[in-house]
Amino acid sequence: MSERAWTADRALEGFESTTLPLSAEDDGELCATLVRRIPDSDVPIRRAVLYVHGFIDYFFQTHVADACAAAGWDFYALDLRRYGRSLRAQNRPNYCTDLAQYDDEIGAAIDIITSEDGHDTLAVMGHSTGGLITSWYAHRGARRSAINALVLNSPFFEFYVPSSARLQLAIASAIGAIWPMGADSKGLPRWYGESLLAEHHGEWSYDLRWKPLLGFPIYFGWVRTVRQVQARVASGLSIACPVLLLHAASSMLAAGPWDDAYHANDIVLNVAHMKERGPRLGQDVTLQEIPNGIHDLMLSRPAAREHAIRTTLQWLEQKVRTTATRSANV
């Protein structure tokens, strides 16, 4: 087998990436992209983190990678098909009709990290929709036994909409069964994006081609598969590895004009859904509230994001060591 080609990442300095080819579909060629942080030294590290982004998102959170590296973890991130680095001009952005479609790239990433790059300990970290996808994979994916710990950053376990919009969700889901490519083109409310972007009310800069302020069209087929998997989470999963679920302290539905409280609440999802459904993921689930956190806890204001990162790394040290010791004694 030829040696894998890693090239300098086109989005982030200090990172490199490799393309994972996937089977083409009706919207053209598909691929996923695995990104890794270039190590600071040649000393091999046997443990790694694999990060999976959320909806209308891609990996750009370099400070998370740096913190993991400082704690002794090699860091990888996966841009899923039709997202970020993997999005091609002819593709429908962020489209899918079955969350199990992502099994191919998740499994390939796990194989690269463990078999090709030689790591024997793997923690998977999923944000929002990435948290739903990774939970579903850790429950039933072919390579789930290679996952030693799962960290969920505000996982998307339920839609957060006013009660008046629940019927619209059900209708969109029903339409998705017969017309999956149909879409709501209205986009998303601008407030969460504005809370992040430095040119508005935030402190972050990222590629708006891959993470636009108003998002992409929301396809009915995507709504359908997300709701189906959310229903499975609600009925309970059997994730074998330890799970850490991080969530903000509170949520609020955003409505104009701008409110500084958006910097201290999850305005995308309802934390009550996470607290209710999180314990149903498996036998070893830890829920941790992050005061003043926002939806992507790792992009919160400094005190909250440092709390989230510190909590994650401390939990990993405890749980991965416990898991490794338990496995060695079996």
Protein backbone atom coordinates (compact mmCIF):
# COMPACT_ATOMS: atom_id res chain seq x y z
CA MET A 1 0.00 0.00 0.00
CA SER A 2 1.38 3.41 -0.95
CA GLU A 3 2.15 5.91 1.78
CA ARG A 4 -0.71 8.32 2.47
CA ALA A 5 -0.28 11.84 1.12
CA TRP A 6 -0.56 14.59 3.71
CA THR A 7 -0.25 18.18 2.51
CA ALA A 8 -0.19 21.57 4.21
CA ASP A 9 -3.75 22.41 5.17
CA ARG A 10 -5.14 25.19 2.98
CA ALA A 11 -7.14 26.75 5.80
CA LEU A 12 -4.94 26.57 8.90
CA GLU A 13 -1.24 27.11 9.45
CA GLY A 14 0.43 24.37 11.48
CA PHE A 15 -1.99 21.70 10.23
CA GLU A 16 -1.95 19.23 7.38
CA SER A 17 -4.74 17.34 5.69
CA THR A 18 -5.49 14.34 3.55
CA THR A 19 -8.47 13.68 1.28
CA LEU A 20 -10.65 10.61 1.81
CA PRO A 21 -12.36 9.71 -1.50
CA LEU A 22 -15.98 8.57 -1.27
CA SER A 23 -18.45 7.15 -3.77
CA ALA A 24 -19.98 9.78 -6.05
CA GLU A 25 -23.67 10.61 -5.87
CA ASP A 26 -26.05 12.59 -8.07
CA ASP A 27 -24.50 15.90 -6.97
CA GLY A 28 -21.03 14.91 -8.08
CA GLU A 29 -17.82 13.62 -6.58
CA LEU A 30 -17.75 13.27 -2.80
CA CYS A 31 -14.89 13.22 -0.33
CA ALA A 32 -14.15 13.85 3.32
CA THR A 33 -11.07 15.58 4.68
CA LEU A 34 -9.01 14.52 7.68
CA VAL A 35 -6.96 17.30 9.23
CA ARG A 36 -4.22 16.81 11.80
CA ARG A 37 -2.14 19.17 13.87
CA ILE A 38 1.54 18.91 13.02
CA PRO A 39 3.26 17.62 16.20
CA ASP A 40 5.66 19.88 18.06
CA SER A 41 8.26 17.10 18.32
CA ASP A 42 9.17 13.75 16.80
CA VAL A 43 8.42 11.89 20.03
CA PRO A 44 5.54 9.52 19.20
CA ILE A 45 2.29 9.97 21.10
CA ARG A 46 0.02 6.94 21.38
CA ARG A 47 -3.25 8.72 22.11
CA ALA A 48 -5.33 10.99 19.90
CA VAL A 49 -8.48 13.09 19.72
CA LEU A 50 -10.76 13.03 16.66
CA TYR A 51 -12.98 16.11 16.39
CA VAL A 52 -16.23 16.16 14.35
CA HIS A 53 -17.84 19.53 13.64
CA GLY A 54 -21.49 20.56 13.71
CA PHE A 55 -24.04 21.62 11.06
CA ILE A 56 -23.06 24.52 8.79
CA ASP A 57 -19.58 24.19 10.24
CA TYR A 58 -16.04 22.90 9.72
CA PHE A 59 -12.91 22.60 11.83
CA PHE A 60 -11.17 25.90 12.61
CA GLN A 61 -10.89 25.79 16.43
CA THR A 62 -7.10 25.66 16.58
CA HIS A 63 -7.00 26.58 20.27
CA VAL A 64 -8.72 23.27 21.08
CA ALA A 65 -6.09 21.38 19.11
CA ASP A 66 -3.31 23.31 20.87
CA ALA A 67 -4.77 22.54 24.31
CA CYS A 68 -5.06 18.84 23.46
CA ALA A 69 -1.47 18.78 22.21
CA ALA A 70 -0.23 20.50 25.38
CA ALA A 71 -1.98 17.77 27.40
CA GLY A 72 -0.32 14.98 25.41
CA TRP A 73 -2.94 14.19 22.77
CA ASP A 74 -2.37 14.20 19.03
CA PHE A 75 -5.23 16.04 17.39
CA TYR A 76 -7.25 15.19 14.28
CA ALA A 77 -10.42 16.74 12.86
CA LEU A 78 -12.79 15.44 10.21
CA ASP A 79 -14.60 17.68 7.73
CA LEU A 80 -17.48 15.44 6.69
CA ARG A 81 -18.70 15.05 3.10
CA ARG A 82 -20.29 18.24 1.71
CA TYR A 83 -18.87 20.30 4.59
CA GLY A 84 -15.97 22.74 4.80
CA ARG A 85 -12.82 21.55 3.05
CA SER A 86 -14.81 18.65 1.58
CA LEU A 87 -17.51 20.79 -0.06
CA ARG A 88 -17.29 20.83 -3.85
CA ALA A 89 -18.97 23.37 -6.13
CA GLN A 90 -21.59 20.94 -7.44
CA ASN A 91 -22.44 19.45 -4.02
CA ARG A 92 -25.55 20.27 -2.02
CA PRO A 93 -24.04 21.84 1.10
CA ASN A 94 -24.41 19.73 4.26
CA TYR A 95 -26.96 17.41 2.60
CA CYS A 96 -27.58 13.84 3.69
CA THR A 97 -30.52 11.45 3.90
CA ASP A 98 -29.09 9.04 6.49
CA LEU A 99 -26.64 9.84 9.29
CA ALA A 100 -25.17 6.37 8.78
CA GLN A 101 -23.76 7.69 5.49
CA TYR A 102 -21.02 9.28 7.57
CA ASP A 103 -19.88 5.85 8.78
CA ASP A 104 -17.53 5.61 5.80
CA GLU A 105 -15.44 8.68 6.66
CA ILE A 106 -15.57 8.16 10.41
CA GLY A 107 -14.41 4.57 10.01
CA ALA A 108 -11.68 5.63 7.57
CA ALA A 109 -10.48 8.34 9.97
CA ILE A 110 -10.35 5.85 12.85
CA ASP A 111 -8.33 3.42 10.72
CA ILE A 112 -5.85 6.13 9.74
CA ILE A 113 -5.41 7.32 13.33
CA THR A 114 -5.03 3.85 14.80
CA SER A 115 -3.60 1.62 12.07
CA GLU A 116 -1.60 4.04 9.93
CA ASP A 117 -0.51 6.57 12.56
CA GLY A 118 -0.14 4.05 15.37
CA HIS A 119 -2.36 5.44 18.14
CA ASP A 120 -3.79 2.90 20.55
CA THR A 121 -6.08 5.28 22.48
CA LEU A 122 -8.77 7.37 20.81
CA ALA A 123 -11.16 9.98 22.15
CA VAL A 124 -13.86 11.26 19.78
CA MET A 125 -15.21 14.77 20.27
CA GLY A 126 -18.44 15.84 18.55
CA HIS A 127 -20.08 19.26 18.50
CA SER A 128 -23.83 19.79 17.99
CA THR A 129 -24.88 17.73 14.93
CA GLY A 130 -21.42 16.17 15.16
CA GLY A 131 -22.40 15.13 18.66
CA LEU A 132 -25.51 13.39 17.34
CA ILE A 133 -23.54 11.73 14.53
CA THR A 134 -20.74 10.51 16.79
CA SER A 135 -23.20 9.26 19.41
CA TRP A 136 -24.99 7.26 16.73
CA TYR A 137 -21.67 5.89 15.45
CA ALA A 138 -20.43 5.01 18.96
CA HIS A 139 -23.68 3.09 19.48
CA ARG A 140 -23.59 1.02 16.26
CA GLY A 141 -20.64 1.91 13.99
CA ALA A 142 -18.34 -0.82 12.69
CA ARG A 143 -15.24 0.64 14.39
CA ARG A 144 -16.94 1.74 17.62
CA SER A 145 -14.78 -0.58 19.73
CA ALA A 146 -11.76 1.59 18.86
CA ILE A 147 -13.33 4.58 20.64
CA ASN A 148 -12.12 4.81 24.24
CA ALA A 149 -14.07 7.94 25.19
CA LEU A 150 -16.72 10.20 23.66
CA VAL A 151 -16.93 13.95 24.40
CA LEU A 152 -20.10 15.76 23.35
CA ASN A 153 -20.10 19.55 23.09
CA SER A 154 -23.77 20.70 23.11
CA PRO A 155 -25.08 17.68 21.18
CA PHE A 156 -28.08 18.12 18.86
CA PHE A 157 -30.57 15.81 20.53
CA GLU A 158 -33.67 17.85 19.65
CA PHE A 159 -34.67 20.85 17.57
CA TYR A 160 -35.04 24.05 19.57
CA VAL A 161 -37.98 25.85 18.03
CA PRO A 162 -41.10 27.60 19.35
CA SER A 163 -44.07 25.30 19.87
CA SER A 164 -45.75 26.98 16.91
CA ALA A 165 -43.03 25.56 14.64
CA ARG A 166 -43.30 21.92 15.74
CA LEU A 167 -45.90 21.16 13.10
CA GLN A 168 -43.65 22.65 10.41
CA LEU A 169 -40.85 20.33 11.51
CA ALA A 170 -43.12 17.30 11.25
CA ILE A 171 -44.28 18.38 7.79
CA ALA A 172 -40.69 18.94 6.62
CA SER A 173 -39.75 15.49 7.90
CA ALA A 174 -42.68 13.86 6.09
CA ILE A 175 -41.81 15.67 2.85
CA GLY A 176 -38.21 14.48 3.28
CA ALA A 177 -39.34 10.88 2.74
CA ILE A 178 -40.54 11.61 -0.80
CA TRP A 179 -38.60 14.75 -1.74
CA PRO A 180 -35.33 14.71 0.23
CA MET A 181 -33.74 17.38 -1.98
CA GLY A 182 -36.50 19.85 -1.20
CA ALA A 183 -35.25 22.60 1.08
CA ASP A 184 -36.17 25.56 3.22
CA SER A 185 -34.13 28.36 1.67
CA LYS A 186 -34.83 30.96 4.35
CA GLY A 187 -31.57 30.21 6.13
CA LEU A 188 -30.88 30.59 9.84
CA PRO A 189 -31.27 33.51 12.23
CA ARG A 190 -28.17 35.70 12.12
CA TRP A 191 -27.66 36.13 15.85
CA TYR A 192 -25.54 33.05 16.56
CA GLY A 193 -23.20 33.83 13.68
CA GLU A 194 -22.95 37.44 14.80
CA SER A 195 -22.15 36.31 18.34
CA LEU A 196 -19.09 34.49 16.94
CA LEU A 197 -17.74 36.72 14.17
CA ALA A 198 -15.16 39.36 15.03
CA GLU A 199 -16.69 41.83 12.57
CA HIS A 200 -19.97 41.69 14.50
CA HIS A 201 -20.17 40.89 18.22
CA GLY A 202 -17.66 38.02 18.53
CA GLU A 203 -13.94 37.32 18.47
CA TRP A 204 -13.51 34.65 15.78
CA SER A 205 -12.62 34.70 12.10
CA TYR A 206 -13.44 31.81 9.77
CA ASP A 207 -14.23 31.04 6.15
CA LEU A 208 -17.74 32.29 5.38
CA ARG A 209 -17.88 30.15 2.24
CA TRP A 210 -17.98 27.11 4.51
CA LYS A 211 -19.79 28.62 7.50
CA PRO A 212 -21.97 31.44 6.13
CA LEU A 213 -23.67 33.84 8.48
CA LEU A 214 -27.17 32.81 7.40
CA GLY A 215 -26.26 29.19 6.76
CA PHE A 216 -27.23 27.01 3.81
CA PRO A 217 -30.63 25.72 2.67
CA ILE A 218 -31.93 23.12 5.10
CA TYR A 219 -32.89 20.00 3.15
CA PHE A 220 -35.99 18.07 4.13
CA GLY A 221 -34.14 14.76 3.80
CA TRP A 222 -31.64 16.03 6.38
CA VAL A 223 -34.45 17.05 8.73
CA ARG A 224 -35.97 13.60 8.42
CA THR A 225 -32.82 11.61 9.22
CA VAL A 226 -31.88 13.91 12.10
CA ARG A 227 -35.30 13.51 13.70
CA GLN A 228 -35.16 9.73 13.24
CA VAL A 229 -31.84 9.46 15.05
CA GLN A 230 -32.94 11.92 17.72
CA ALA A 231 -35.89 9.62 18.39
CA ARG A 232 -33.50 6.70 18.80
CA VAL A 233 -31.43 8.72 21.29
CA ALA A 234 -34.61 9.56 23.20
CA SER A 235 -35.41 5.84 23.49
CA GLY A 236 -31.86 5.07 24.68
CA LEU A 237 -28.56 3.95 23.17
CA SER A 238 -25.93 1.49 24.38
CA ILE A 239 -22.63 3.33 23.99
CA ALA A 240 -19.97 1.19 25.63
CA CYS A 241 -17.28 3.82 26.21
CA PRO A 242 -17.45 6.59 28.82
CA VAL A 243 -19.29 9.73 27.66
CA LEU A 244 -18.82 13.34 28.75
CA LEU A 245 -21.68 15.65 27.78
CA LEU A 246 -20.86 19.34 28.12
CA HIS A 247 -23.66 21.89 27.95
CA ALA A 248 -24.28 25.55 28.67
CA ALA A 249 -25.97 26.55 31.90
CA SER A 250 -29.04 27.92 30.11
CA SER A 251 -30.68 28.49 26.74
CA MET A 252 -32.75 31.26 25.20
CA LEU A 253 -34.47 31.69 21.86
CA ALA A 254 -32.79 34.55 20.04
CA ALA A 255 -34.83 37.36 18.57
CA GLY A 256 -33.67 40.79 17.49
CA PRO A 257 -32.35 43.24 18.35
CA TRP A 258 -28.91 42.11 19.57
CA ASP A 259 -28.77 41.12 23.23
CA ASP A 260 -25.49 40.68 25.14
CA ALA A 261 -27.12 37.69 26.87
CA TYR A 262 -26.44 35.77 23.65
CA HIS A 263 -22.84 35.57 24.85
CA ALA A 264 -23.87 33.59 27.94
CA ASN A 265 -26.58 31.23 26.66
CA ASP A 266 -27.04 28.48 24.12
CA ILE A 267 -29.26 30.22 21.54
CA VAL A 268 -29.20 27.28 19.10
CA LEU A 269 -30.29 24.30 21.24
CA ASN A 270 -32.17 23.76 24.48
CA VAL A 271 -29.91 22.43 27.22
CA ALA A 272 -32.95 20.80 28.87
CA HIS A 273 -33.03 18.30 25.99
CA MET A 274 -29.37 17.42 26.54
CA LYS A 275 -29.84 16.97 30.29
CA GLU A 276 -32.90 14.79 29.74
CA ARG A 277 -31.48 12.55 27.00
CA GLY A 278 -27.80 12.46 27.86
CA PRO A 279 -28.13 9.84 30.62
CA ARG A 280 -29.80 7.50 28.10
CA LEU A 281 -26.66 7.22 25.95
CA GLY A 282 -24.96 4.46 27.93
CA GLN A 283 -23.95 3.19 31.36
CA ASP A 284 -21.16 5.72 32.01
CA VAL A 285 -22.31 9.25 31.19
CA THR A 286 -21.08 12.42 32.89
CA LEU A 287 -23.02 15.66 32.41
CA GLN A 288 -21.14 18.90 33.01
CA GLU A 289 -22.62 22.39 32.96
CA ILE A 290 -20.44 25.26 31.73
CA PRO A 291 -21.58 28.58 33.26
CA ASN A 292 -21.90 31.40 30.70
CA GLY A 293 -21.26 28.96 27.87
CA ILE A 294 -22.70 29.36 24.38
CA HIS A 295 -23.70 26.71 21.84
CA ASP A 296 -20.15 25.85 20.79
CA LEU A 297 -18.70 25.86 24.28
CA MET A 298 -15.18 25.97 22.86
CA LEU A 299 -16.02 29.35 21.27
CA SER A 300 -17.50 30.88 24.41
CA ARG A 301 -15.99 33.90 26.09
CA PRO A 302 -12.53 33.11 27.57
CA ALA A 303 -13.50 32.00 31.08
CA ALA A 304 -16.23 29.66 29.86
CA ARG A 305 -14.23 28.11 27.03
CA GLU A 306 -11.21 27.58 29.27
CA HIS A 307 -13.54 25.87 31.75
CA ALA A 308 -14.90 23.63 28.99
CA ILE A 309 -11.45 22.69 27.69
CA ARG A 310 -10.02 22.11 31.16
CA THR A 311 -13.02 19.97 32.15
CA THR A 312 -12.67 17.90 29.00
CA LEU A 313 -8.97 17.22 29.45
CA GLN A 314 -9.30 16.41 33.15
CA TRP A 315 -12.16 14.02 32.44
CA LEU A 316 -10.18 12.32 29.68
CA GLU A 317 -7.21 11.81 31.99
CA GLN A 318 -9.47 10.16 34.54
CA LYS A 319 -11.67 8.09 32.24
CA VAL A 320 -9.13 6.97 29.67
CA ARG A 321 -6.73 5.85 32.38
CA THR A 322 -9.58 3.99 34.10
CA THR A 323 -10.66 2.39 30.83
CA ALA A 324 -7.10 1.38 29.94
CA THR A 325 -6.57 -0.14 33.38
CA ARG A 326 -9.88 -1.99 33.21
CA SER A 327 -9.05 -3.37 29.74
CA ALA A 328 -5.60 -4.48 30.87
CA ASN A 329 -7.13 -6.42 33.77
CA VAL A 330 -9.76 -8.25 31.70
